[in-house]
């Protein structure tokens, strides 16, 4: 069976104080992040950190895209301006200053590496 050339993925969840991988580009595909947005549904301003992670051999490199970025009460924010390409195995990691108040959504186009 042939692999799909393009796949669209939507990823949603709640960011917590513990850093978590929210998307990893699968083997054989590049992931193009079209949208990454968070919303603060809580009663206080919360902070969000978003990182790109790449592992080559035994070396892992984390690159902060946002660090302790404040999201005011009842507000949302776009975490990435433009598009972000993740090579096979690259991940996005997220954490927030609260375990329940920050919701996220990602829209990703996975395209087959040929």
PDB file of N, CA and C in Angstrom:
ATOM      1  N   UNK A   1       0.842  -1.177   0.000  1.00  0.00           N
ATOM      2  CA  UNK A   1       0.000   0.000   0.000  1.00  0.00           C
ATOM      3  C   UNK A   1       0.888   1.241   0.000  1.00  0.00           C
ATOM      4  N   UNK A   2       0.575   2.175  -0.848  1.00  0.00           N
ATOM      5  CA  UNK A   2       1.345   3.420  -0.956  1.00  0.00           C
ATOM      6  C   UNK A   2       1.047   4.337   0.219  1.00  0.00           C
ATOM      7  N   UNK A   3       2.059   5.090   0.630  1.00  0.00           N
ATOM      8  CA  UNK A   3       1.878   6.064   1.696  1.00  0.00           C
ATOM      9  C   UNK A   3       1.207   7.314   1.141  1.00  0.00           C
ATOM     10  N   UNK A   4       0.403   7.959   1.960  1.00  0.00           N
ATOM     11  CA  UNK A   4      -0.257   9.198   1.553  1.00  0.00           C
ATOM     12  C   UNK A   4       0.790  10.296   1.369  1.00  0.00           C
ATOM     13  N   UNK A   5       0.624  11.083   0.314  1.00  0.00           N
ATOM     14  CA  UNK A   5       1.547  12.176   0.033  1.00  0.00           C
ATOM     15  C   UNK A   5       1.412  13.294   1.065  1.00  0.00           C
ATOM     16  N   UNK A   6       0.162  13.666   1.395  1.00  0.00           N
ATOM     17  CA  UNK A   6      -0.110  14.733   2.362  1.00  0.00           C
ATOM     18  C   UNK A   6      -1.172  14.273   3.349  1.00  0.00           C
ATOM     19  N   UNK A   7      -0.940  14.536   4.616  1.00  0.00           N
ATOM     20  CA  UNK A   7      -1.901  14.241   5.675  1.00  0.00           C
ATOM     21  C   UNK A   7      -2.067  15.490   6.529  1.00  0.00           C
ATOM     22  N   UNK A   8      -3.293  15.822   6.888  1.00  0.00           N
ATOM     23  CA  UNK A   8      -3.536  16.943   7.790  1.00  0.00           C
ATOM     24  C   UNK A   8      -3.836  16.395   9.179  1.00  0.00           C
ATOM     25  N   UNK A   9      -3.250  17.012  10.182  1.00  0.00           N
ATOM     26  CA  UNK A   9      -3.447  16.606  11.564  1.00  0.00           C
ATOM     27  C   UNK A   9      -3.870  17.809  12.396  1.00  0.00           C
ATOM     28  N   UNK A  10      -4.794  17.583  13.315  1.00  0.00           N
ATOM     29  CA  UNK A  10      -5.158  18.585  14.310  1.00  0.00           C
ATOM     30  C   UNK A  10      -4.857  17.988  15.678  1.00  0.00           C
ATOM     31  N   UNK A  11      -4.104  18.726  16.470  1.00  0.00           N
ATOM     32  CA  UNK A  11      -3.697  18.261  17.791  1.00  0.00           C
ATOM     33  C   UNK A  11      -4.237  19.257  18.817  1.00  0.00           C
ATOM     34  N   UNK A  12      -4.941  18.762  19.826  1.00  0.00           N
ATOM     35  CA  UNK A  12      -5.460  19.633  20.879  1.00  0.00           C
ATOM     36  C   UNK A  12      -5.108  19.047  22.238  1.00  0.00           C
ATOM     37  N   UNK A  13      -5.102  19.908  23.240  1.00  0.00           N
ATOM     38  CA  UNK A  13      -4.833  19.435  24.584  1.00  0.00           C
ATOM     39  C   UNK A  13      -4.756  20.579  25.578  1.00  0.00           C
ATOM     40  N   UNK A  14      -4.376  20.233  26.784  1.00  0.00           N
ATOM     41  CA  UNK A  14      -4.204  21.209  27.867  1.00  0.00           C
ATOM     42  C   UNK A  14      -2.750  21.180  28.293  1.00  0.00           C
ATOM     43  N   UNK A  15      -2.105  22.332  28.239  1.00  0.00           N
ATOM     44  CA  UNK A  15      -0.701  22.431  28.661  1.00  0.00           C
ATOM     45  C   UNK A  15      -0.622  22.352  30.181  1.00  0.00           C
ATOM     46  N   UNK A  16       0.431  21.721  30.672  1.00  0.00           N
ATOM     47  CA  UNK A  16       0.623  21.597  32.118  1.00  0.00           C
ATOM     48  C   UNK A  16       1.976  22.179  32.503  1.00  0.00           C
ATOM     49  N   UNK A  17       2.261  22.170  33.792  1.00  0.00           N
ATOM     50  CA  UNK A  17       3.536  22.703  34.271  1.00  0.00           C
ATOM     51  C   UNK A  17       4.696  21.794  33.903  1.00  0.00           C
ATOM     52  N   UNK A  18       4.403  20.547  33.603  1.00  0.00           N
ATOM     53  CA  UNK A  18       5.438  19.628  33.150  1.00  0.00           C
ATOM     54  C   UNK A  18       5.579  19.714  31.635  1.00  0.00           C
ATOM     55  N   UNK A  19       6.800  19.855  31.164  1.00  0.00           N
ATOM     56  CA  UNK A  19       7.030  19.947  29.725  1.00  0.00           C
ATOM     57  C   UNK A  19       6.574  18.663  29.034  1.00  0.00           C
ATOM     58  N   UNK A  20       5.798  18.824  27.948  1.00  0.00           N
ATOM     59  CA  UNK A  20       5.265  17.661  27.242  1.00  0.00           C
ATOM     60  C   UNK A  20       5.423  17.835  25.737  1.00  0.00           C
ATOM     61  N   UNK A  21       5.707  16.720  25.076  1.00  0.00           N
ATOM     62  CA  UNK A  21       5.758  16.719  23.618  1.00  0.00           C
ATOM     63  C   UNK A  21       4.323  16.694  23.099  1.00  0.00           C
ATOM     64  N   UNK A  22       3.979  17.680  22.258  1.00  0.00           N
ATOM     65  CA  UNK A  22       2.616  17.728  21.737  1.00  0.00           C
ATOM     66  C   UNK A  22       2.533  17.305  20.278  1.00  0.00           C
ATOM     67  N   UNK A  23       3.680  17.245  19.594  1.00  0.00           N
ATOM     68  CA  UNK A  23       3.700  16.760  18.215  1.00  0.00           C
ATOM     69  C   UNK A  23       5.125  16.346  17.865  1.00  0.00           C
ATOM     70  N   UNK A  24       5.227  15.213  17.165  1.00  0.00           N
ATOM     71  CA  UNK A  24       6.500  14.757  16.621  1.00  0.00           C
ATOM     72  C   UNK A  24       6.275  14.378  15.172  1.00  0.00           C
ATOM     73  N   UNK A  25       7.100  14.917  14.283  1.00  0.00           N
ATOM     74  CA  UNK A  25       6.993  14.580  12.863  1.00  0.00           C
ATOM     75  C   UNK A  25       7.340  13.104  12.683  1.00  0.00           C
ATOM     76  N   UNK A  26       6.449  12.340  12.038  1.00  0.00           N
ATOM     77  CA  UNK A  26       6.695  10.905  11.900  1.00  0.00           C
ATOM     78  C   UNK A  26       7.837  10.571  10.941  1.00  0.00           C
ATOM     79  N   UNK A  27       8.350   9.375  11.057  1.00  0.00           N
ATOM     80  CA  UNK A  27       9.416   8.900  10.170  1.00  0.00           C
ATOM     81  C   UNK A  27       8.919   8.944   8.727  1.00  0.00           C
ATOM     82  N   UNK A  28       9.727   9.529   7.858  1.00  0.00           N
ATOM     83  CA  UNK A  28       9.395   9.602   6.449  1.00  0.00           C
ATOM     84  C   UNK A  28       8.570  10.809   6.052  1.00  0.00           C
ATOM     85  N   UNK A  29       8.190  11.615   7.031  1.00  0.00           N
ATOM     86  CA  UNK A  29       7.375  12.798   6.767  1.00  0.00           C
ATOM     87  C   UNK A  29       8.014  14.045   7.378  1.00  0.00           C
ATOM     88  N   UNK A  30       7.746  15.186   6.776  1.00  0.00           N
ATOM     89  CA  UNK A  30       8.032  16.479   7.398  1.00  0.00           C
ATOM     90  C   UNK A  30       6.701  17.033   7.873  1.00  0.00           C
ATOM     91  N   UNK A  31       6.692  17.663   9.022  1.00  0.00           N
ATOM     92  CA  UNK A  31       5.483  18.283   9.555  1.00  0.00           C
ATOM     93  C   UNK A  31       5.577  19.791   9.389  1.00  0.00           C
ATOM     94  N   UNK A  32       4.602  20.365   8.726  1.00  0.00           N
ATOM     95  CA  UNK A  32       4.567  21.811   8.552  1.00  0.00           C
ATOM     96  C   UNK A  32       3.474  22.347   9.476  1.00  0.00           C
ATOM     97  N   UNK A  33       3.887  23.067  10.508  1.00  0.00           N
ATOM     98  CA  UNK A  33       2.928  23.620  11.465  1.00  0.00           C
ATOM     99  C   UNK A  33       2.303  24.860  10.831  1.00  0.00           C
ATOM    100  N   UNK A  34       1.007  24.756  10.553  1.00  0.00           N
ATOM    101  CA  UNK A  34       0.278  25.846   9.910  1.00  0.00           C
ATOM    102  C   UNK A  34      -0.288  26.818  10.942  1.00  0.00           C
ATOM    103  N   UNK A  35      -0.631  26.289  12.111  1.00  0.00           N
ATOM    104  CA  UNK A  35      -1.221  27.095  13.173  1.00  0.00           C
ATOM    105  C   UNK A  35      -0.845  26.485  14.507  1.00  0.00           C
ATOM    106  N   UNK A  36      -0.493  27.326  15.460  1.00  0.00           N
ATOM    107  CA  UNK A  36      -0.262  26.896  16.840  1.00  0.00           C
ATOM    108  C   UNK A  36      -0.837  27.998  17.718  1.00  0.00           C
ATOM    109  N   UNK A  37      -1.895  27.684  18.432  1.00  0.00           N
ATOM    110  CA  UNK A  37      -2.589  28.709  19.204  1.00  0.00           C
ATOM    111  C   UNK A  37      -2.916  28.183  20.592  1.00  0.00           C
ATOM    112  N   UNK A  38      -2.916  29.093  21.561  1.00  0.00           N
ATOM    113  CA  UNK A  38      -3.325  28.762  22.927  1.00  0.00           C
ATOM    114  C   UNK A  38      -4.404  29.730  23.377  1.00  0.00           C
ATOM    115  N   UNK A  39      -5.193  29.282  24.340  1.00  0.00           N
ATOM    116  CA  UNK A  39      -6.210  30.124  24.960  1.00  0.00           C
ATOM    117  C   UNK A  39      -6.113  29.961  26.467  1.00  0.00           C
ATOM    118  N   UNK A  40      -6.220  31.072  27.179  1.00  0.00           N
ATOM    119  CA  UNK A  40      -6.226  31.059  28.641  1.00  0.00           C
ATOM    120  C   UNK A  40      -7.678  31.092  29.089  1.00  0.00           C
ATOM    121  N   UNK A  41      -8.153  29.986  29.660  1.00  0.00           N
ATOM    122  CA  UNK A  41      -9.546  29.902  30.094  1.00  0.00           C
ATOM    123  C   UNK A  41      -9.686  30.114  31.606  1.00  0.00           C
ATOM    124  N   UNK A  42      -8.598  30.475  32.259  1.00  0.00           N
ATOM    125  CA  UNK A  42      -8.602  30.618  33.712  1.00  0.00           C
ATOM    126  C   UNK A  42      -8.763  32.053  34.182  1.00  0.00           C
ATOM    127  N   UNK A  43      -8.756  32.238  35.505  1.00  0.00           N
ATOM    128  CA  UNK A  43      -8.991  33.554  36.105  1.00  0.00           C
ATOM    129  C   UNK A  43      -7.732  34.397  36.299  1.00  0.00           C
ATOM    130  N   UNK A  44      -6.561  33.895  35.880  1.00  0.00           N
ATOM    131  CA  UNK A  44      -5.303  34.626  36.069  1.00  0.00           C
ATOM    132  C   UNK A  44      -4.470  34.569  34.786  1.00  0.00           C
ATOM    133  N   UNK A  45      -3.593  35.550  34.635  1.00  0.00           N
ATOM    134  CA  UNK A  45      -2.636  35.501  33.535  1.00  0.00           C
ATOM    135  C   UNK A  45      -1.732  34.288  33.732  1.00  0.00           C
ATOM    136  N   UNK A  46      -1.468  33.545  32.637  1.00  0.00           N
ATOM    137  CA  UNK A  46      -0.609  32.375  32.685  1.00  0.00           C
ATOM    138  C   UNK A  46       0.527  32.546  31.688  1.00  0.00           C
ATOM    139  N   UNK A  47       1.613  31.836  31.893  1.00  0.00           N
ATOM    140  CA  UNK A  47       2.769  31.901  31.001  1.00  0.00           C
ATOM    141  C   UNK A  47       2.913  30.587  30.241  1.00  0.00           C
ATOM    142  N   UNK A  48       3.342  30.698  28.975  1.00  0.00           N
ATOM    143  CA  UNK A  48       3.510  29.528  28.116  1.00  0.00           C
ATOM    144  C   UNK A  48       4.934  29.501  27.567  1.00  0.00           C
ATOM    145  N   UNK A  49       5.507  28.310  27.516  1.00  0.00           N
ATOM    146  CA  UNK A  49       6.796  28.090  26.872  1.00  0.00           C
ATOM    147  C   UNK A  49       6.605  27.054  25.776  1.00  0.00           C
ATOM    148  N   UNK A  50       7.133  27.357  24.577  1.00  0.00           N
ATOM    149  CA  UNK A  50       7.061  26.449  23.436  1.00  0.00           C
ATOM    150  C   UNK A  50       8.480  26.245  22.912  1.00  0.00           C
ATOM    151  N   UNK A  51       8.865  24.974  22.719  1.00  0.00           N
ATOM    152  CA  UNK A  51      10.215  24.649  22.257  1.00  0.00           C
ATOM    153  C   UNK A  51      10.177  23.718  21.043  1.00  0.00           C
ATOM    154  N   UNK A  52      11.176  23.874  20.197  1.00  0.00           N
ATOM    155  CA  UNK A  52      11.456  22.928  19.117  1.00  0.00           C
ATOM    156  C   UNK A  52      12.552  22.012  19.638  1.00  0.00           C
ATOM    157  N   UNK A  53      12.402  20.703  19.422  1.00  0.00           N
ATOM    158  CA  UNK A  53      13.410  19.751  19.883  1.00  0.00           C
ATOM    159  C   UNK A  53      13.873  18.874  18.720  1.00  0.00           C
ATOM    160  N   UNK A  54      15.192  18.768  18.577  1.00  0.00           N
ATOM    161  CA  UNK A  54      15.787  17.904  17.545  1.00  0.00           C
ATOM    162  C   UNK A  54      16.858  17.047  18.203  1.00  0.00           C
ATOM    163  N   UNK A  55      16.824  15.756  17.886  1.00  0.00           N
ATOM    164  CA  UNK A  55      17.841  14.843  18.377  1.00  0.00           C
ATOM    165  C   UNK A  55      18.596  14.277  17.183  1.00  0.00           C
ATOM    166  N   UNK A  56      19.913  14.446  17.204  1.00  0.00           N
ATOM    167  CA  UNK A  56      20.794  13.886  16.181  1.00  0.00           C
ATOM    168  C   UNK A  56      21.810  13.023  16.917  1.00  0.00           C
ATOM    169  N   UNK A  57      21.748  11.722  16.672  1.00  0.00           N
ATOM    170  CA  UNK A  57      22.620  10.802  17.412  1.00  0.00           C
ATOM    171  C   UNK A  57      22.261  10.835  18.887  1.00  0.00           C
ATOM    172  N   UNK A  58      23.239  11.200  19.710  1.00  0.00           N
ATOM    173  CA  UNK A  58      22.988  11.273  21.154  1.00  0.00           C
ATOM    174  C   UNK A  58      22.811  12.715  21.633  1.00  0.00           C
ATOM    175  N   UNK A  59      22.816  13.666  20.691  1.00  0.00           N
ATOM    176  CA  UNK A  59      22.714  15.077  21.055  1.00  0.00           C
ATOM    177  C   UNK A  59      21.296  15.595  20.819  1.00  0.00           C
ATOM    178  N   UNK A  60      20.683  16.111  21.878  1.00  0.00           N
ATOM    179  CA  UNK A  60      19.356  16.719  21.780  1.00  0.00           C
ATOM    180  C   UNK A  60      19.493  18.223  21.947  1.00  0.00           C
ATOM    181  N   UNK A  61      18.898  18.960  21.017  1.00  0.00           N
ATOM    182  CA  UNK A  61      18.929  20.411  21.063  1.00  0.00           C
ATOM    183  C   UNK A  61      17.511  20.940  21.217  1.00  0.00           C
ATOM    184  N   UNK A  62      17.274  21.738  22.252  1.00  0.00           N
ATOM    185  CA  UNK A  62      15.994  22.423  22.460  1.00  0.00           C
ATOM    186  C   UNK A  62      16.164  23.886  22.103  1.00  0.00           C
ATOM    187  N   UNK A  63      15.256  24.391  21.281  1.00  0.00           N
ATOM    188  CA  UNK A  63      15.268  25.801  20.899  1.00  0.00           C
ATOM    189  C   UNK A  63      13.945  26.425  21.312  1.00  0.00           C
ATOM    190  N   UNK A  64      14.001  27.405  22.202  1.00  0.00           N
ATOM    191  CA  UNK A  64      12.801  28.065  22.673  1.00  0.00           C
ATOM    192  C   UNK A  64      12.235  28.958  21.568  1.00  0.00           C
ATOM    193  N   UNK A  65      10.967  28.752  21.250  1.00  0.00           N
ATOM    194  CA  UNK A  65      10.256  29.634  20.331  1.00  0.00           C
ATOM    195  C   UNK A  65       9.558  30.737  21.125  1.00  0.00           C
ATOM    196  N   UNK A  66       9.079  30.379  22.301  1.00  0.00           N
ATOM    197  CA  UNK A  66       8.517  31.322  23.284  1.00  0.00           C
ATOM    198  C   UNK A  66       8.981  30.854  24.655  1.00  0.00           C
ATOM    199  N   UNK A  67       9.285  31.814  25.540  1.00  0.00           N
ATOM    200  CA  UNK A  67       9.701  31.448  26.885  1.00  0.00           C
ATOM    201  C   UNK A  67       8.933  32.289  27.883  1.00  0.00           C
ATOM    202  N   UNK A  68       8.141  31.626  28.731  1.00  0.00           N
ATOM    203  CA  UNK A  68       7.317  32.304  29.736  1.00  0.00           C
ATOM    204  C   UNK A  68       6.519  33.461  29.131  1.00  0.00           C
ATOM    205  N   UNK A  69       5.907  33.199  27.986  1.00  0.00           N
ATOM    206  CA  UNK A  69       5.112  34.204  27.277  1.00  0.00           C
ATOM    207  C   UNK A  69       3.775  34.370  27.997  1.00  0.00           C
ATOM    208  N   UNK A  70       3.439  35.592  28.457  1.00  0.00           N
ATOM    209  CA  UNK A  70       2.210  35.783  29.220  1.00  0.00           C
ATOM    210  C   UNK A  70       0.958  35.766  28.341  1.00  0.00           C
ATOM    211  N   UNK A  71      -0.049  35.025  28.802  1.00  0.00           N
ATOM    212  CA  UNK A  71      -1.354  34.978  28.144  1.00  0.00           C
ATOM    213  C   UNK A  71      -2.370  35.525  29.150  1.00  0.00           C
ATOM    214  N   UNK A  72      -2.903  36.728  28.896  1.00  0.00           N
ATOM    215  CA  UNK A  72      -3.843  37.332  29.841  1.00  0.00           C
ATOM    216  C   UNK A  72      -5.147  36.536  29.983  1.00  0.00           C
ATOM    217  N   UNK A  73      -5.903  36.876  30.994  1.00  0.00           N
ATOM    218  CA  UNK A  73      -7.195  36.258  31.274  1.00  0.00           C
ATOM    219  C   UNK A  73      -8.097  36.371  30.041  1.00  0.00           C
ATOM    220  N   UNK A  74      -8.762  35.264  29.694  1.00  0.00           N
ATOM    221  CA  UNK A  74      -9.721  35.213  28.580  1.00  0.00           C
ATOM    222  C   UNK A  74      -9.141  35.671  27.251  1.00  0.00           C
ATOM    223  N   UNK A  75      -7.859  35.436  27.031  1.00  0.00           N
ATOM    224  CA  UNK A  75      -7.211  35.816  25.766  1.00  0.00           C
ATOM    225  C   UNK A  75      -6.628  34.575  25.096  1.00  0.00           C
ATOM    226  N   UNK A  76      -6.356  34.724  23.823  1.00  0.00           N
ATOM    227  CA  UNK A  76      -5.667  33.678  23.083  1.00  0.00           C
ATOM    228  C   UNK A  76      -4.449  34.293  22.408  1.00  0.00           C
ATOM    229  N   UNK A  77      -3.547  33.441  21.954  1.00  0.00           N
ATOM    230  CA  UNK A  77      -2.342  33.935  21.284  1.00  0.00           C
ATOM    231  C   UNK A  77      -1.877  32.913  20.256  1.00  0.00           C
ATOM    232  N   UNK A  78      -1.390  33.429  19.152  1.00  0.00           N
ATOM    233  CA  UNK A  78      -0.760  32.595  18.145  1.00  0.00           C
ATOM    234  C   UNK A  78       0.691  32.400  18.568  1.00  0.00           C
ATOM    235  N   UNK A  79       1.122  31.152  18.665  1.00  0.00           N
ATOM    236  CA  UNK A  79       2.459  30.857  19.169  1.00  0.00           C
ATOM    237  C   UNK A  79       3.529  30.923  18.095  1.00  0.00           C
ATOM    238  N   UNK A  80       3.130  30.777  16.837  1.00  0.00           N
ATOM    239  CA  UNK A  80       4.082  30.783  15.732  1.00  0.00           C
ATOM    240  C   UNK A  80       3.570  31.735  14.667  1.00  0.00           C
ATOM    241  N   UNK A  81       4.410  32.671  14.282  1.00  0.00           N
ATOM    242  CA  UNK A  81       4.071  33.572  13.181  1.00  0.00           C
ATOM    243  C   UNK A  81       4.583  32.947  11.900  1.00  0.00           C
ATOM    244  N   UNK A  82       3.725  32.704  10.944  1.00  0.00           N
ATOM    245  CA  UNK A  82       4.138  32.023   9.725  1.00  0.00           C
ATOM    246  C   UNK A  82       4.092  30.520   9.916  1.00  0.00           C
ATOM    247  N   UNK A  83       4.913  29.807   9.178  1.00  0.00           N
ATOM    248  CA  UNK A  83       4.939  28.342   9.215  1.00  0.00           C
ATOM    249  C   UNK A  83       6.236  27.871   9.878  1.00  0.00           C
ATOM    250  N   UNK A  84       6.188  26.663  10.417  1.00  0.00           N
ATOM    251  CA  UNK A  84       7.372  26.048  11.003  1.00  0.00           C
ATOM    252  C   UNK A  84       7.483  24.634  10.448  1.00  0.00           C
ATOM    253  N   UNK A  85       8.622  24.304   9.848  1.00  0.00           N
ATOM    254  CA  UNK A  85       8.844  22.975   9.292  1.00  0.00           C
ATOM    255  C   UNK A  85       9.588  22.121  10.315  1.00  0.00           C
ATOM    256  N   UNK A  86       9.024  20.959  10.610  1.00  0.00           N
ATOM    257  CA  UNK A  86       9.655  19.992  11.499  1.00  0.00           C
ATOM    258  C   UNK A  86      10.101  18.806  10.658  1.00  0.00           C
ATOM    259  N   UNK A  87      11.392  18.500  10.699  1.00  0.00           N
ATOM    260  CA  UNK A  87      11.906  17.338   9.986  1.00  0.00           C
ATOM    261  C   UNK A  87      11.515  16.073  10.751  1.00  0.00           C
ATOM    262  N   UNK A  88      11.587  14.938  10.073  1.00  0.00           N
ATOM    263  CA  UNK A  88      11.256  13.658  10.713  1.00  0.00           C
ATOM    264  C   UNK A  88      11.946  13.548  12.068  1.00  0.00           C
ATOM    265  N   UNK A  89      11.175  13.239  13.098  1.00  0.00           N
ATOM    266  CA  UNK A  89      11.714  13.084  14.444  1.00  0.00           C
ATOM    267  C   UNK A  89      11.748  14.347  15.275  1.00  0.00           C
ATOM    268  N   UNK A  90      11.624  15.525  14.647  1.00  0.00           N
ATOM    269  CA  UNK A  90      11.569  16.779  15.410  1.00  0.00           C
ATOM    270  C   UNK A  90      10.268  16.843  16.201  1.00  0.00           C
ATOM    271  N   UNK A  91      10.309  17.504  17.349  1.00  0.00           N
ATOM    272  CA  UNK A  91       9.128  17.615  18.212  1.00  0.00           C
ATOM    273  C   UNK A  91       8.879  19.049  18.633  1.00  0.00           C
ATOM    274  N   UNK A  92       7.622  19.320  19.001  1.00  0.00           N
ATOM    275  CA  UNK A  92       7.250  20.561  19.682  1.00  0.00           C
ATOM    276  C   UNK A  92       6.926  20.197  21.120  1.00  0.00           C
ATOM    277  N   UNK A  93       7.472  20.972  22.062  1.00  0.00           N
ATOM    278  CA  UNK A  93       7.239  20.770  23.487  1.00  0.00           C
ATOM    279  C   UNK A  93       6.553  21.993  24.048  1.00  0.00           C
ATOM    280  N   UNK A  94       5.606  21.783  24.962  1.00  0.00           N
ATOM    281  CA  UNK A  94       4.899  22.906  25.566  1.00  0.00           C
ATOM    282  C   UNK A  94       4.829  22.718  27.076  1.00  0.00           C
ATOM    283  N   UNK A  95       4.824  23.844  27.779  1.00  0.00           N
ATOM    284  CA  UNK A  95       4.554  23.852  29.214  1.00  0.00           C
ATOM    285  C   UNK A  95       3.905  25.184  29.554  1.00  0.00           C
ATOM    286  N   UNK A  96       3.229  25.220  30.691  1.00  0.00           N
ATOM    287  CA  UNK A  96       2.594  26.463  31.127  1.00  0.00           C
ATOM    288  C   UNK A  96       2.755  26.614  32.632  1.00  0.00           C
ATOM    289  N   UNK A  97       2.369  27.766  33.122  1.00  0.00           N
ATOM    290  CA  UNK A  97       2.511  28.050  34.551  1.00  0.00           C
ATOM    291  C   UNK A  97       1.359  27.480  35.379  1.00  0.00           C
ATOM    292  N   UNK A  98       0.412  26.792  34.720  1.00  0.00           N
ATOM    293  CA  UNK A  98      -0.751  26.225  35.410  1.00  0.00           C
ATOM    294  C   UNK A  98      -1.104  24.897  34.747  1.00  0.00           C
ATOM    295  N   UNK A  99      -1.704  23.989  35.487  1.00  0.00           N
ATOM    296  CA  UNK A  99      -2.033  22.673  34.951  1.00  0.00           C
ATOM    297  C   UNK A  99      -3.389  22.566  34.267  1.00  0.00           C
ATOM    298  N   UNK A 100      -4.221  23.616  34.325  1.00  0.00           N
ATOM    299  CA  UNK A 100      -5.577  23.475  33.792  1.00  0.00           C
ATOM    300  C   UNK A 100      -6.059  24.625  32.898  1.00  0.00           C
ATOM    301  N   UNK A 101      -5.384  25.746  32.902  1.00  0.00           N
ATOM    302  CA  UNK A 101      -5.952  26.955  32.283  1.00  0.00           C
ATOM    303  C   UNK A 101      -5.534  27.226  30.843  1.00  0.00           C
ATOM    304  N   UNK A 102      -4.513  26.554  30.335  1.00  0.00           N
ATOM    305  CA  UNK A 102      -4.029  26.828  28.980  1.00  0.00           C
ATOM    306  C   UNK A 102      -4.375  25.660  28.061  1.00  0.00           C
ATOM    307  N   UNK A 103      -5.239  25.954  27.075  1.00  0.00           N
ATOM    308  CA  UNK A 103      -5.580  24.962  26.053  1.00  0.00           C
ATOM    309  C   UNK A 103      -4.832  25.315  24.777  1.00  0.00           C
ATOM    310  N   UNK A 104      -4.413  24.278  24.027  1.00  0.00           N
ATOM    311  CA  UNK A 104      -3.689  24.525  22.782  1.00  0.00           C
ATOM    312  C   UNK A 104      -4.328  23.772  21.627  1.00  0.00           C
ATOM    313  N   UNK A 105      -4.057  24.276  20.420  1.00  0.00           N
ATOM    314  CA  UNK A 105      -4.461  23.606  19.192  1.00  0.00           C
ATOM    315  C   UNK A 105      -3.362  23.815  18.157  1.00  0.00           C
ATOM    316  N   UNK A 106      -3.040  22.734  17.453  1.00  0.00           N
ATOM    317  CA  UNK A 106      -2.072  22.782  16.361  1.00  0.00           C
ATOM    318  C   UNK A 106      -2.758  22.271  15.104  1.00  0.00           C
ATOM    319  N   UNK A 107      -2.425  22.868  13.992  1.00  0.00           N
ATOM    320  CA  UNK A 107      -2.832  22.374  12.685  1.00  0.00           C
ATOM    321  C   UNK A 107      -1.544  22.081  11.928  1.00  0.00           C
ATOM    322  N   UNK A 108      -1.376  20.816  11.510  1.00  0.00           N
ATOM    323  CA  UNK A 108      -0.122  20.380  10.915  1.00  0.00           C
ATOM    324  C   UNK A 108      -0.391  19.675   9.587  1.00  0.00           C
ATOM    325  N   UNK A 109       0.379  20.035   8.585  1.00  0.00           N
ATOM    326  CA  UNK A 109       0.392  19.325   7.313  1.00  0.00           C
ATOM    327  C   UNK A 109       1.610  18.412   7.301  1.00  0.00           C
ATOM    328  N   UNK A 110       1.378  17.114   7.236  1.00  0.00           N
ATOM    329  CA  UNK A 110       2.468  16.154   7.129  1.00  0.00           C
ATOM    330  C   UNK A 110       2.647  15.822   5.652  1.00  0.00           C
ATOM    331  N   UNK A 111       3.851  15.994   5.144  1.00  0.00           N
ATOM    332  CA  UNK A 111       4.112  15.734   3.738  1.00  0.00           C
ATOM    333  C   UNK A 111       5.217  14.688   3.602  1.00  0.00           C
ATOM    334  N   UNK A 112       4.986  13.748   2.712  1.00  0.00           N
ATOM    335  CA  UNK A 112       5.892  12.615   2.523  1.00  0.00           C
ATOM    336  C   UNK A 112       7.234  13.081   1.990  1.00  0.00           C
ATOM    337  N   UNK A 113       8.315  12.620   2.623  1.00  0.00           N
ATOM    338  CA  UNK A 113       9.666  12.906   2.131  1.00  0.00           C
ATOM    339  C   UNK A 113       9.979  11.915   1.014  1.00  0.00           C
ATOM    340  N   UNK A 114      10.315  12.430  -0.125  1.00  0.00           N
ATOM    341  CA  UNK A 114      10.581  11.531  -1.264  1.00  0.00           C
ATOM    342  C   UNK A 114      11.989  11.639  -1.735  1.00  0.00           C
TER     343      UNK A 114
END
